[in-house]
Every structure is written in structure tokens, then in C-alpha cells.
Amino acid sequence: MTGGTPVAGETLPGAGDDGDDGADRVVCHVDMDCFYASCERLRHPDLAGEPVVVGMGYEPGESIGAVATASYEARAFGVDSAMPISEALELLPRRADADPDDPDAPDPAETGRYLPVDLDFYEEVASEVKAVLRDCADTRREVSIDEAYLDVTDRTSWAVAGDDPDDPPPSGAAGPSEARTLAEGYARHVKDRIEREAGVPASVGVAPNMSAAKVASDADKPDGLVVVPPGSVAEFLAPLPTADVHGVGPVTEETLADLGIETAGDLAAADRDRLAEELGERGPELSRRAAGDDDREVTPTGLPKSLSRESALPTTADEATKHETVTALAADVARRARERGCLYRTIGIKAVEPPFDVNTRARSLPGPVDDPDLVEEVALDLLGEFDETRVRKLGVRVSKLDFAETDQATLGGFEAAGDDGDRERRGGRERRGDSERRSGRERGGAGDGGKLTDWVDGPPDRGDGEEPTAERDRRDADEGQASLGDWG
């Protein structure tokens, strides 16, 4: 990256310079590569390069289940997400069934590793990714557990970077010049931080608008970085099939084909009145997107489900350092809750043991409160379990937020509330009980030195031109991962 790696929150050199370059919107679409399989490789390094299938129903005696994620190696055998597990096993038998002494057993070279879905673990890894995104962009829109848009206009620009022989080669940037821009450097910074801090790969598309950025992130998977500068969007999209245009699903693709429209260039040049007759108001909108015209802003969705902060620790951190860290994190989280005018019903901590053993503990209150001293007290009490444990990161979280004008609960029954869940052991890590299962809620904090902006989550609004669920499922199937809920 020209000029070195920027620190968190810093604008790259050239952003905001005089001229038109700094006035153009810069949108990044971050799409994790076969996310569930990547998570499994994070805790099982021996899976690197292996065909990996994450799903259910593959154990002997089971027959009902589906593929949630297939790695690219597994996809080479024809295995796709949402495929019945029985069909996947025919295409790619289990490695566990490859017995070298059995002449009828499958060839080990043509088998794959099958693993069960562990959504709680994947959400923990997603929280690490989310911490990076929060640190790198003030405006974010989450789409699912493995996908998000970032507006980084205030962090970088489309200005051309200076020549630097030590820079990595340019990405698959569209346009005749393929010149390196500051926007590309910042996107590479985001991408590298995700892999370094969360341990999983991502593909990133960069463009002046949301729909082009999304197409760009799919253009060079896996582990890709594709940049489409202003003025190059229509040229970049024109040769692509209509199915690649954001918002075009299988039914729409078939309708367009009946009209003789096969490529994005065809769609951009099509008669928009005719498209409106066939597809309603979506027809002209899709034509505009295919022409590179998409003025939607990256907007967060919903209210936060929780507020949290995390901080990395040195490996030599003693008990006093842990207590000081949690005290500071608790004070910050409580302050942010008060600034936002919300009460909270649950207080929790997160302790990450090396290399990536995530432990969470939480305690429920009898009702919503705003009490910074109580946040510190409960967090330190929960931390006591890890006083003798080496941890690399600590976090504090308040959740079950209440933004309504309600009376604060009394704490007479607090002690009786006790710890949430039975902390059942699964997969070598502690997991909370059902009362603290998270569905679409925030997991993780702002990261070290991060801005005090919250990830806003909740069910994404499918209005305002957002990709319909069925069409997103088609994209997920193409990517090799089933859609199992929003990035929580």
C-alpha cells in the first residue's frame, strides 16, 4: 500500500484533496469466502486444502440433511450449498469411510471431510471480522453472517496513488488504465486486517456504488480484490450475464432471456418502458444498475441488539491487568449505553484463550437497568473464572437492550437471577444456555482503539432495492454457502 498502512480511523493520504476525486462515493462489499468452511479450518488447520463440507445428516443411519457450506475443493466434485446431504455423499464420500483395506471403499483422494454446523462458533469468528469492519468504516450495512457493505468515502478516495515498487500488483481493476487508487489501497488494508485478526479470508469489491461493489466482490473469488473506478462501471458490467446484475434472480433472468436480453450491456440498453411492462418498477431499476447507475446509500438497519468493547492483551497479562482491562471496558460500554438512552437486561464478558478458544459468560438481571457500577461489578465477578487462565482478548457486553421509555427495574431479585444457561460443552469450547442464544445480535466489540460506533444489526430491510431473499439464496448457492441468518 502506498504510504504505508494507515492506523485505525485514519484517512489515507489524498482523501479530501481538491478536485473531483474526493467527491465520489467509495463503497466496499466484503464477502467472506465459504465462511463456515473457513471457520472450521481456523480451528482445524489440517483441513487446509481439503474438500470440506459443513452440513448435517451425514452420519451413519441419518438420511435427512443438507449442505450448509462446501469449500471450493468440495465444489470441484459438484457439491453445492443447499444440496441434499445424500446427493453430496454420492458425489464426495466421507473420508471416514475410506478404508484402505476394503477394496470396495472409496479412494481417499476422492473423499471429503464432513463437519457439523456450529453456528455459535461461526458467529464468534464473525464478531472478529465485524470488529475490523467497525474500525475501518463508520457506515456499514450487514447483509448476512458473511457479507457487509462499507461506505469508506471519508477514509480514502479515488485519487491515483503514487508509484511504489514495493506495492503489491494492482487488483483486477476495471478501466483501460488499471491505475492503482487510494481506494484500492484502503480495501487491501481492510482485507489484510480481516485475515490477520480474524484468521479467515475475504473477497472485497470496490466501486462507486453498492450494486457494482457486490458484483466486483464475486468477480475474482476466492481471496479476491477487484476495484471498479468511477467511469468504468458500465464497461465492467457490460459483458457479464444478466444473472450477475445485483437483484436479478433465476425468474427475472428467464424473463429477460425471453426478451433477448442476455448480458448486463443488453439490459442497460433495453427499452425501459418495455421492462416496466414485463417486470414492473424493478425492470427500469435493474436496467439502471446494469448501466452503473445506483444512487442507494449504505445505510445501517435496525437498532443495536447489544453494545460491547474488546481489547487485546499481552500474553503475559496478569490478574491485575485483566481486572484493569475489564474495568475500563465496562465503564466504556456503560457510558455508551447511557449516551444512547438505552437500558440493558444482561451483562456479559468474553475471554478468548489462545489460539482461538472463545468463552462467553453472562448474567441476567430481573429487569432493564442503567447502572455503570453494576456493569463493572458483574463483569469482574464473571472474570473471576479466568483469573488463572491465559487470555489474548477480553470483552464486555451489555445486551437485551431497551430503548423504550420504561421505568428502571429494582435489583432486589438480582442475586436470584444467577448465571445464564448451563454452559454446555460442545466442540471443545464453552457455550451459553438457551436463554443467551443469539440470533442476529451483536457479537464482539469495537476492537482495540476502534471508534465508538456500534454495529447496527437486526433483520435487514429487504426494501429500498435490497436483494430479495430468494435471489440472495441463489447467490449463496453459487458461492457455496447456505443462507442461515443475518450476521449477528
Protein backbone atom coordinates (compact mmCIF):
# COMPACT_ATOMS: atom_id res chain seq x y z
CA MET A 1 0.00 0.00 0.00
CA THR A 2 1.38 3.36 -0.96
CA GLY A 3 2.48 5.40 2.00
CA GLY A 4 2.31 2.53 4.50
CA THR A 5 -0.57 1.01 6.43
CA PRO A 6 -2.97 3.54 7.97
CA VAL A 7 -3.87 3.31 11.60
CA ALA A 8 -7.46 2.70 12.67
CA GLY A 9 -9.72 5.55 11.70
CA GLU A 10 -7.06 7.40 9.73
CA THR A 11 -7.82 8.83 6.30
CA LEU A 12 -5.39 7.78 3.63
CA PRO A 13 -3.22 10.47 2.03
CA GLY A 14 -5.05 12.19 -0.80
CA ALA A 15 -8.58 11.74 0.56
CA GLY A 16 -10.37 15.05 0.51
CA ASP A 17 -7.86 16.71 -1.80
CA ASP A 18 -9.14 19.44 -4.10
CA GLY A 19 -10.74 18.13 -7.25
CA ASP A 20 -13.45 15.66 -8.11
CA ASP A 21 -11.64 12.51 -6.94
CA GLY A 22 -12.52 13.03 -3.28
CA ALA A 23 -16.19 13.73 -4.06
CA ASP A 24 -17.02 10.27 -5.44
CA ARG A 25 -18.51 7.68 -3.10
CA VAL A 26 -16.27 4.71 -2.29
CA VAL A 27 -18.17 1.54 -1.40
CA CYS A 28 -16.61 -1.78 -0.37
CA HIS A 29 -18.54 -5.03 -0.46
CA VAL A 30 -16.92 -7.57 1.87
CA ASP A 31 -17.89 -11.18 1.18
CA MET A 32 -16.34 -13.95 3.24
CA ASP A 33 -15.13 -16.95 1.21
CA CYS A 34 -17.02 -20.18 2.07
CA PHE A 35 -17.24 -18.76 5.56
CA TYR A 36 -18.25 -21.80 7.59
CA ALA A 37 -15.55 -23.94 5.97
CA SER A 38 -13.01 -21.17 6.60
CA CYS A 39 -14.03 -21.09 10.27
CA GLU A 40 -13.52 -24.84 10.56
CA ARG A 41 -10.08 -24.50 9.02
CA LEU A 42 -9.28 -21.83 11.58
CA ARG A 43 -9.61 -24.29 14.46
CA HIS A 44 -8.60 -27.38 12.42
CA PRO A 45 -5.55 -26.31 10.35
CA ASP A 46 -5.22 -29.84 8.96
CA LEU A 47 -8.29 -29.10 6.81
CA ALA A 48 -6.29 -26.68 4.65
CA GLY A 49 -6.56 -27.72 1.00
CA GLU A 50 -9.03 -30.49 1.83
CA PRO A 51 -12.56 -30.75 0.39
CA VAL A 52 -14.69 -29.61 3.34
CA VAL A 53 -18.46 -29.96 3.64
CA VAL A 54 -20.29 -28.36 6.56
CA GLY A 55 -23.79 -29.68 7.00
CA MET A 56 -25.99 -32.21 8.74
CA GLY A 57 -27.43 -35.66 8.17
CA TYR A 58 -24.25 -37.37 7.02
CA GLU A 59 -23.67 -39.66 10.00
CA PRO A 60 -24.42 -43.39 9.51
CA GLY A 61 -28.15 -44.04 9.96
CA GLU A 62 -29.05 -40.46 9.08
CA SER A 63 -30.60 -39.58 5.76
CA ILE A 64 -32.14 -36.14 6.16
CA GLY A 65 -29.95 -33.08 5.97
CA ALA A 66 -28.40 -30.54 3.66
CA VAL A 67 -25.08 -28.92 2.84
CA ALA A 68 -24.61 -25.56 4.54
CA THR A 69 -21.20 -24.80 3.02
CA ALA A 70 -18.95 -26.53 0.53
CA SER A 71 -15.36 -25.41 0.18
CA TYR A 72 -14.02 -24.72 -3.29
CA GLU A 73 -12.23 -28.07 -3.22
CA ALA A 74 -15.55 -29.80 -2.50
CA ARG A 75 -17.32 -27.79 -5.16
CA ALA A 76 -14.87 -29.22 -7.69
CA PHE A 77 -16.63 -32.57 -7.08
CA GLY A 78 -20.04 -30.99 -7.75
CA VAL A 79 -21.08 -30.41 -4.14
CA ASP A 80 -23.08 -27.21 -3.63
CA SER A 81 -24.77 -25.49 -0.72
CA ALA A 82 -28.40 -26.43 -0.02
CA MET A 83 -27.80 -29.77 -1.78
CA PRO A 84 -29.35 -32.80 -0.02
CA ILE A 85 -26.64 -34.45 2.01
CA SER A 86 -27.39 -37.81 0.38
CA GLU A 87 -26.54 -36.37 -3.02
CA ALA A 88 -23.38 -34.76 -1.66
CA LEU A 89 -22.22 -38.09 -0.23
CA GLU A 90 -22.68 -39.73 -3.63
CA LEU A 91 -20.52 -37.10 -5.28
CA LEU A 92 -17.97 -36.87 -2.46
CA PRO A 93 -17.90 -39.76 0.05
CA ARG A 94 -16.75 -39.17 3.62
CA ARG A 95 -13.07 -39.52 4.36
CA ALA A 96 -14.06 -41.57 7.41
CA ASP A 97 -15.47 -44.24 5.08
CA ALA A 98 -12.22 -44.60 3.12
CA ASP A 99 -10.79 -47.85 4.42
CA PRO A 100 -7.55 -48.76 2.60
CA ASP A 101 -8.06 -52.42 3.49
CA ASP A 102 -11.55 -52.53 1.94
CA PRO A 103 -11.44 -52.91 -1.87
CA ASP A 104 -14.99 -51.53 -2.11
CA ALA A 105 -14.22 -48.42 -0.05
CA PRO A 106 -13.84 -45.06 -1.83
CA ASP A 107 -10.44 -43.77 -2.89
CA PRO A 108 -9.23 -41.40 -0.11
CA ALA A 109 -8.19 -38.89 -2.80
CA GLU A 110 -11.83 -38.64 -3.85
CA THR A 111 -13.32 -38.14 -0.41
CA GLY A 112 -14.06 -35.11 1.73
CA ARG A 113 -14.17 -34.04 5.36
CA TYR A 114 -17.70 -33.63 6.71
CA LEU A 115 -18.34 -31.45 9.76
CA PRO A 116 -21.47 -30.39 11.66
CA VAL A 117 -22.74 -26.82 11.66
CA ASP A 118 -21.57 -24.85 14.73
CA LEU A 119 -23.28 -21.52 14.20
CA ASP A 120 -22.27 -20.17 17.61
CA PHE A 121 -18.61 -20.60 16.72
CA TYR A 122 -19.10 -19.05 13.29
CA GLU A 123 -20.79 -16.06 14.92
CA GLU A 124 -17.80 -15.69 17.25
CA VAL A 125 -15.46 -15.56 14.27
CA ALA A 126 -17.86 -13.16 12.56
CA SER A 127 -17.59 -10.88 15.58
CA GLU A 128 -13.83 -10.71 14.98
CA VAL A 129 -14.48 -9.75 11.37
CA LYS A 130 -17.10 -7.25 12.46
CA ALA A 131 -14.66 -5.60 14.87
CA VAL A 132 -12.34 -4.93 11.94
CA LEU A 133 -15.16 -3.55 9.80
CA ARG A 134 -16.32 -1.32 12.64
CA ASP A 135 -12.79 0.02 12.98
CA CYS A 136 -12.44 0.62 9.24
CA ALA A 137 -15.80 2.24 8.39
CA ASP A 138 -18.24 4.46 10.23
CA THR A 139 -21.11 3.46 7.94
CA ARG A 140 -21.82 -0.24 7.47
CA ARG A 141 -24.72 -2.37 6.28
CA GLU A 142 -24.74 -6.03 7.24
CA VAL A 143 -26.48 -8.40 4.87
CA SER A 144 -25.78 -11.81 6.40
CA ILE A 145 -23.29 -13.60 8.61
CA ASP A 146 -20.74 -13.47 5.80
CA GLU A 147 -21.44 -10.25 3.92
CA ALA A 148 -21.42 -6.48 4.52
CA TYR A 149 -21.22 -3.15 2.72
CA LEU A 150 -18.91 -0.36 3.88
CA ASP A 151 -19.01 3.30 2.87
CA VAL A 152 -15.38 4.42 3.23
CA THR A 153 -15.67 7.73 1.38
CA ASP A 154 -14.44 9.58 4.46
CA ARG A 155 -11.41 7.28 4.82
CA THR A 156 -9.99 7.26 1.29
CA SER A 157 -10.61 8.49 -2.28
CA TRP A 158 -10.40 7.56 -5.95
CA ALA A 159 -7.18 9.57 -6.34
CA VAL A 160 -4.38 7.66 -8.06
CA ALA A 161 -1.65 6.54 -5.69
CA GLY A 162 2.00 7.29 -6.35
CA ASP A 163 4.21 4.66 -7.88
CA ASP A 164 5.91 2.43 -5.33
CA PRO A 165 7.97 -0.59 -6.43
CA ASP A 166 7.27 -2.29 -3.09
CA ASP A 167 3.49 -2.16 -3.59
CA PRO A 168 1.69 -5.41 -4.48
CA PRO A 169 0.43 -5.64 -8.07
CA PRO A 170 -2.84 -3.87 -8.91
CA SER A 171 -6.06 -5.76 -8.40
CA GLY A 172 -8.37 -6.79 -11.21
CA ALA A 173 -9.31 -3.11 -11.59
CA ALA A 174 -11.66 -2.25 -14.43
CA GLY A 175 -10.89 0.50 -16.88
CA PRO A 176 -8.24 0.86 -19.52
CA SER A 177 -5.53 2.29 -17.26
CA GLU A 178 -5.86 -0.14 -14.34
CA ALA A 179 -4.13 2.53 -12.26
CA ARG A 180 -3.78 1.92 -8.56
CA THR A 181 -6.03 4.16 -6.49
CA LEU A 182 -6.02 5.06 -2.82
CA ALA A 183 -9.36 3.27 -2.60
CA GLU A 184 -7.70 0.05 -3.66
CA GLY A 185 -5.02 0.51 -1.01
CA TYR A 186 -7.59 1.02 1.70
CA ALA A 187 -9.61 -2.01 0.57
CA ARG A 188 -6.44 -4.10 0.68
CA HIS A 189 -5.85 -2.79 4.20
CA VAL A 190 -9.35 -3.93 5.25
CA LYS A 191 -8.91 -7.31 3.59
CA ASP A 192 -5.49 -7.92 5.15
CA ARG A 193 -6.73 -6.94 8.61
CA ILE A 194 -9.63 -9.41 8.38
CA GLU A 195 -7.28 -12.26 7.57
CA ARG A 196 -4.69 -11.20 10.13
CA GLU A 197 -7.07 -10.52 13.04
CA ALA A 198 -9.94 -12.94 12.37
CA GLY A 199 -7.95 -15.63 10.57
CA VAL A 200 -10.36 -16.11 7.65
CA PRO A 201 -10.16 -14.94 4.02
CA ALA A 202 -12.49 -12.43 2.39
CA SER A 203 -13.09 -11.18 -1.12
CA VAL A 204 -13.62 -7.44 -1.47
CA GLY A 205 -15.17 -5.45 -4.28
CA VAL A 206 -14.70 -1.67 -4.50
CA ALA A 207 -16.84 0.62 -6.64
CA PRO A 208 -18.69 3.94 -6.58
CA ASN A 209 -21.99 2.23 -5.73
CA MET A 210 -23.39 -0.77 -3.88
CA SER A 211 -24.50 -2.97 -6.78
CA ALA A 212 -21.21 -2.65 -8.67
CA ALA A 213 -19.21 -3.32 -5.49
CA LYS A 214 -21.19 -6.51 -4.92
CA VAL A 215 -20.56 -7.76 -8.46
CA ALA A 216 -16.87 -6.89 -8.08
CA SER A 217 -16.51 -8.96 -4.89
CA ASP A 218 -17.75 -12.03 -6.79
CA ALA A 219 -15.52 -11.47 -9.82
CA ASP A 220 -12.28 -12.98 -8.53
CA LYS A 221 -13.14 -15.42 -5.74
CA PRO A 222 -11.70 -16.75 -3.55
CA ASP A 223 -9.48 -14.27 -1.74
CA GLY A 224 -10.05 -11.65 -4.41
CA LEU A 225 -9.83 -7.87 -4.62
CA VAL A 226 -11.47 -6.19 -7.61
CA VAL A 227 -11.70 -2.42 -7.99
CA VAL A 228 -14.07 -0.66 -10.38
CA PRO A 229 -13.21 3.06 -10.51
CA PRO A 230 -15.73 5.76 -11.42
CA GLY A 231 -16.32 5.94 -15.14
CA SER A 232 -15.55 2.23 -15.58
CA VAL A 233 -18.66 0.66 -14.07
CA ALA A 234 -20.73 0.26 -17.25
CA GLU A 235 -17.71 -1.12 -19.11
CA PHE A 236 -17.01 -3.58 -16.29
CA LEU A 237 -20.60 -4.82 -16.16
CA ALA A 238 -21.45 -4.88 -19.88
CA PRO A 239 -20.11 -8.36 -20.82
CA LEU A 240 -21.44 -10.11 -17.70
CA PRO A 241 -24.56 -12.31 -17.86
CA THR A 242 -27.73 -10.72 -16.51
CA ALA A 243 -27.66 -13.15 -13.57
CA ASP A 244 -24.64 -11.25 -12.25
CA VAL A 245 -26.54 -7.97 -12.00
CA HIS A 246 -27.46 -7.29 -8.39
CA GLY A 247 -31.16 -8.10 -7.95
CA VAL A 248 -31.57 -10.43 -10.93
CA GLY A 249 -32.73 -13.87 -9.82
CA PRO A 250 -33.49 -17.01 -11.85
CA VAL A 251 -37.07 -15.99 -12.72
CA THR A 252 -36.05 -12.50 -13.79
CA GLU A 253 -33.12 -13.93 -15.74
CA GLU A 254 -35.50 -16.19 -17.66
CA THR A 255 -37.88 -13.30 -18.38
CA LEU A 256 -35.03 -11.17 -19.67
CA ALA A 257 -33.79 -14.03 -21.86
CA ASP A 258 -37.26 -14.26 -23.42
CA LEU A 259 -36.85 -10.58 -24.32
CA GLY A 260 -33.50 -11.29 -25.97
CA ILE A 261 -31.56 -9.71 -23.09
CA GLU A 262 -28.57 -11.89 -22.23
CA THR A 263 -25.91 -9.55 -20.82
CA ALA A 264 -25.75 -6.58 -18.48
CA GLY A 265 -24.92 -4.45 -21.52
CA ASP A 266 -28.12 -5.63 -23.19
CA LEU A 267 -30.06 -4.82 -20.04
CA ALA A 268 -28.54 -1.35 -19.76
CA ALA A 269 -29.55 -0.55 -23.37
CA ALA A 270 -33.01 -2.13 -23.18
CA ASP A 271 -36.23 -0.16 -23.58
CA ARG A 272 -37.15 0.68 -20.01
CA ASP A 273 -40.84 1.12 -20.76
CA ARG A 274 -40.90 -2.44 -22.06
CA LEU A 275 -39.02 -3.63 -18.98
CA ALA A 276 -41.61 -1.90 -16.78
CA GLU A 277 -44.38 -3.75 -18.62
CA GLU A 278 -42.70 -7.10 -18.03
CA LEU A 279 -41.13 -6.63 -14.59
CA GLY A 280 -42.89 -3.67 -13.03
CA GLU A 281 -40.87 -0.85 -11.50
CA ARG A 282 -37.98 -3.26 -10.85
CA GLY A 283 -37.33 -3.54 -14.58
CA PRO A 284 -36.10 0.04 -15.15
CA GLU A 285 -34.22 -0.10 -11.82
CA LEU A 286 -32.30 -3.20 -12.92
CA SER A 287 -31.53 -1.51 -16.24
CA ARG A 288 -30.09 1.48 -14.39
CA ARG A 289 -27.95 -0.78 -12.22
CA ALA A 290 -26.66 -2.59 -15.30
CA ALA A 291 -25.66 0.81 -16.69
CA GLY A 292 -23.73 1.56 -13.50
CA ASP A 293 -26.36 3.91 -12.06
CA ASP A 294 -27.14 3.12 -8.43
CA ASP A 295 -27.60 6.03 -6.03
CA ARG A 296 -28.53 4.00 -2.94
CA GLU A 297 -26.62 4.94 0.18
CA VAL A 298 -25.07 2.40 2.52
CA THR A 299 -27.46 2.59 5.46
CA PRO A 300 -27.45 0.56 8.67
CA THR A 301 -30.52 -1.49 9.53
CA GLY A 302 -32.42 -1.63 12.79
CA LEU A 303 -31.36 -0.79 16.34
CA PRO A 304 -28.35 -2.41 18.04
CA LYS A 305 -29.11 -5.57 19.97
CA SER A 306 -26.11 -5.09 22.21
CA LEU A 307 -23.16 -2.82 22.93
CA SER A 308 -19.68 -4.16 23.52
CA ARG A 309 -15.99 -3.39 23.53
CA GLU A 310 -12.99 -5.71 23.30
CA SER A 311 -9.29 -5.30 23.94
CA ALA A 312 -6.32 -7.47 23.11
CA LEU A 313 -3.92 -8.39 25.90
CA PRO A 314 -0.24 -9.30 26.00
CA THR A 315 0.32 -13.00 26.53
CA THR A 316 1.94 -12.18 29.87
CA ALA A 317 -1.09 -10.30 31.24
CA ASP A 318 -1.52 -10.97 34.96
CA GLU A 319 -4.67 -10.91 37.08
CA ALA A 320 -4.35 -7.19 37.83
CA THR A 321 -4.03 -6.33 34.14
CA LYS A 322 -7.12 -8.37 33.32
CA HIS A 323 -9.11 -6.62 36.05
CA GLU A 324 -7.95 -3.18 34.89
CA THR A 325 -8.88 -4.02 31.31
CA VAL A 326 -12.35 -5.27 32.17
CA THR A 327 -12.97 -2.28 34.45
CA ALA A 328 -12.13 0.12 31.62
CA LEU A 329 -14.21 -1.83 29.09
CA ALA A 330 -17.18 -1.96 31.47
CA ALA A 331 -17.05 1.79 32.05
CA ASP A 332 -16.93 2.48 28.32
CA VAL A 333 -19.81 0.15 27.46
CA ALA A 334 -21.98 1.58 30.25
CA ARG A 335 -21.22 5.12 29.11
CA ARG A 336 -22.17 4.31 25.53
CA ALA A 337 -25.44 2.77 26.68
CA ARG A 338 -26.26 5.90 28.67
CA GLU A 339 -25.37 8.16 25.72
CA ARG A 340 -27.78 6.20 23.55
CA GLY A 341 -30.52 6.34 26.15
CA CYS A 342 -30.91 2.58 26.46
CA LEU A 343 -31.29 0.20 29.39
CA TYR A 344 -29.94 -3.36 29.43
CA ARG A 345 -31.04 -6.66 30.93
CA THR A 346 -27.90 -8.78 30.51
CA ILE A 347 -24.24 -8.17 31.32
CA GLY A 348 -21.56 -10.44 29.95
CA ILE A 349 -17.88 -10.92 29.24
CA LYS A 350 -15.88 -12.63 26.54
CA ALA A 351 -12.50 -14.25 27.16
CA VAL A 352 -10.51 -15.59 24.22
CA GLU A 353 -7.83 -18.15 25.07
CA PRO A 354 -5.01 -18.77 22.58
CA PRO A 355 -5.20 -19.62 19.79
CA PHE A 356 -8.96 -19.11 19.34
CA ASP A 357 -10.91 -20.71 22.16
CA VAL A 358 -13.79 -18.29 22.76
CA ASN A 359 -15.53 -18.33 26.13
CA THR A 360 -18.57 -16.22 26.98
CA ARG A 361 -20.27 -15.75 30.32
CA ALA A 362 -23.37 -13.70 31.04
CA ARG A 363 -25.75 -12.87 33.85
CA SER A 364 -29.35 -11.76 33.52
CA LEU A 365 -30.96 -9.06 35.62
CA PRO A 366 -34.58 -9.06 36.80
CA GLY A 367 -35.30 -6.08 34.55
CA PRO A 368 -33.69 -3.36 32.41
CA VAL A 369 -31.23 -1.06 34.20
CA ASP A 370 -28.78 1.77 33.62
CA ASP A 371 -26.10 1.17 36.25
CA PRO A 372 -22.40 1.55 35.32
CA ASP A 373 -21.26 0.31 38.74
CA LEU A 374 -23.29 -2.85 38.30
CA VAL A 375 -21.78 -3.47 34.86
CA GLU A 376 -18.31 -3.32 36.39
CA GLU A 377 -19.29 -5.47 39.37
CA VAL A 378 -20.88 -8.23 37.30
CA ALA A 379 -18.14 -8.20 34.65
CA LEU A 380 -15.39 -8.54 37.26
CA ASP A 381 -17.30 -11.30 39.02
CA LEU A 382 -17.65 -13.24 35.76
CA LEU A 383 -13.97 -12.62 35.01
CA GLY A 384 -13.01 -14.42 38.20
CA GLU A 385 -13.34 -17.75 36.41
CA PHE A 386 -10.44 -16.72 34.14
CA ASP A 387 -8.06 -15.23 36.71
CA GLU A 388 -5.71 -18.18 36.35
CA THR A 389 -6.24 -18.58 32.61
CA ARG A 390 -4.05 -17.11 29.88
CA VAL A 391 -6.21 -15.00 27.57
CA ARG A 392 -5.38 -12.99 24.47
CA LYS A 393 -8.50 -10.84 24.38
CA LEU A 394 -11.21 -9.68 26.80
CA GLY A 395 -14.55 -8.08 26.09
CA VAL A 396 -17.54 -6.67 27.99
CA ARG A 397 -21.06 -6.57 26.62
CA VAL A 398 -24.50 -5.37 27.66
CA SER A 399 -27.41 -6.85 25.74
CA LYS A 400 -31.18 -7.24 25.64
CA LEU A 401 -31.29 -3.51 25.15
CA ASP A 402 -34.42 -1.49 25.85
CA PHE A 403 -34.78 1.86 24.07
CA ALA A 404 -38.34 2.43 25.27
CA GLU A 405 -39.35 4.94 27.92
CA THR A 406 -39.63 2.45 30.76
CA ASP A 407 -39.04 2.55 34.50
CA GLN A 408 -35.77 1.06 35.63
CA ALA A 409 -36.12 -2.25 37.40
CA THR A 410 -35.21 -2.64 41.04
CA LEU A 411 -32.39 -5.04 41.85
CA GLY A 412 -33.98 -6.88 44.76
CA GLY A 413 -34.06 -10.13 42.83
CA PHE A 414 -30.68 -9.78 41.17
CA GLU A 415 -28.82 -12.49 43.05
CA ALA A 416 -31.61 -14.94 42.43
CA ALA A 417 -31.26 -14.41 38.70
CA GLY A 418 -27.88 -16.16 38.74
CA ASP A 419 -25.79 -17.12 35.74
CA ASP A 420 -27.49 -17.73 32.41
CA GLY A 421 -27.55 -21.19 30.94
CA ASP A 422 -25.84 -24.39 31.85
CA ARG A 423 -22.75 -23.59 29.75
CA GLU A 424 -22.88 -26.88 27.99
CA ARG A 425 -19.63 -28.04 26.47
CA ARG A 426 -19.61 -28.51 22.71
CA GLY A 427 -16.69 -28.83 20.34
CA GLY A 428 -14.10 -28.04 23.00
CA ARG A 429 -15.47 -24.61 23.91
CA GLU A 430 -17.96 -23.21 26.40
CA ARG A 431 -21.35 -22.16 25.05
CA ARG A 432 -24.19 -20.41 26.74
CA GLY A 433 -27.57 -21.94 27.52
CA ASP A 434 -30.72 -21.30 25.55
CA SER A 435 -31.53 -18.09 27.41
CA GLU A 436 -28.48 -16.48 25.90
CA ARG A 437 -28.51 -17.97 22.38
CA ARG A 438 -28.01 -15.13 19.98
CA SER A 439 -29.99 -14.70 16.79
CA GLY A 440 -28.98 -11.73 14.71
CA ARG A 441 -27.49 -9.86 17.66
CA GLU A 442 -24.08 -8.26 18.04
CA ARG A 443 -21.15 -10.47 18.96
CA GLY A 444 -17.95 -8.66 19.69
CA GLY A 445 -16.75 -5.16 20.21
CA ALA A 446 -15.11 -2.28 18.51
CA GLY A 447 -11.65 -3.78 18.65
CA ASP A 448 -8.53 -2.17 20.00
CA GLY A 449 -8.57 1.57 19.52
CA GLY A 450 -11.77 1.36 17.50
CA LYS A 451 -14.22 4.17 17.02
CA LEU A 452 -17.14 4.23 19.41
CA THR A 453 -19.69 3.45 16.77
CA ASP A 454 -21.95 0.45 17.13
CA TRP A 455 -22.64 -2.24 14.60
CA VAL A 456 -26.33 -1.93 13.90
CA ASP A 457 -27.97 -5.24 13.23
CA GLY A 458 -31.33 -6.93 13.17
CA PRO A 459 -33.28 -8.30 10.21
CA PRO A 460 -32.09 -6.44 7.11
CA ASP A 461 -34.74 -4.36 5.40
CA ARG A 462 -35.39 -6.00 2.06
CA GLY A 463 -36.90 -2.79 0.78
CA ASP A 464 -35.12 0.05 -0.96
CA GLY A 465 -33.79 -2.20 -3.68
CA GLU A 466 -32.14 -4.73 -1.38
CA GLU A 467 -31.65 -8.16 -2.85
CA PRO A 468 -34.74 -10.34 -2.30
CA THR A 469 -34.27 -13.41 -0.14
CA ALA A 470 -34.76 -15.90 -2.96
CA GLU A 471 -32.20 -14.14 -5.10
CA ARG A 472 -29.73 -13.95 -2.25
CA ASP A 473 -30.20 -17.68 -1.71
CA ARG A 474 -29.26 -18.20 -5.36
CA ARG A 475 -26.13 -16.15 -4.83
CA ASP A 476 -25.33 -18.06 -1.67
CA ALA A 477 -25.73 -21.33 -3.53
CA ASP A 478 -23.35 -20.10 -6.21
CA GLU A 479 -20.87 -19.07 -3.52
CA GLY A 480 -21.07 -22.44 -1.80
CA GLN A 481 -22.71 -21.40 1.47
CA ALA A 482 -26.30 -21.73 2.53
CA SER A 483 -28.03 -18.67 3.96
CA LEU A 484 -28.51 -19.34 7.66
CA GLY A 485 -29.46 -15.94 9.05
CA ASP A 486 -28.09 -12.48 9.42
CA TRP A 487 -24.65 -11.60 10.53
CA GLY A 488 -25.36 -11.37 14.27
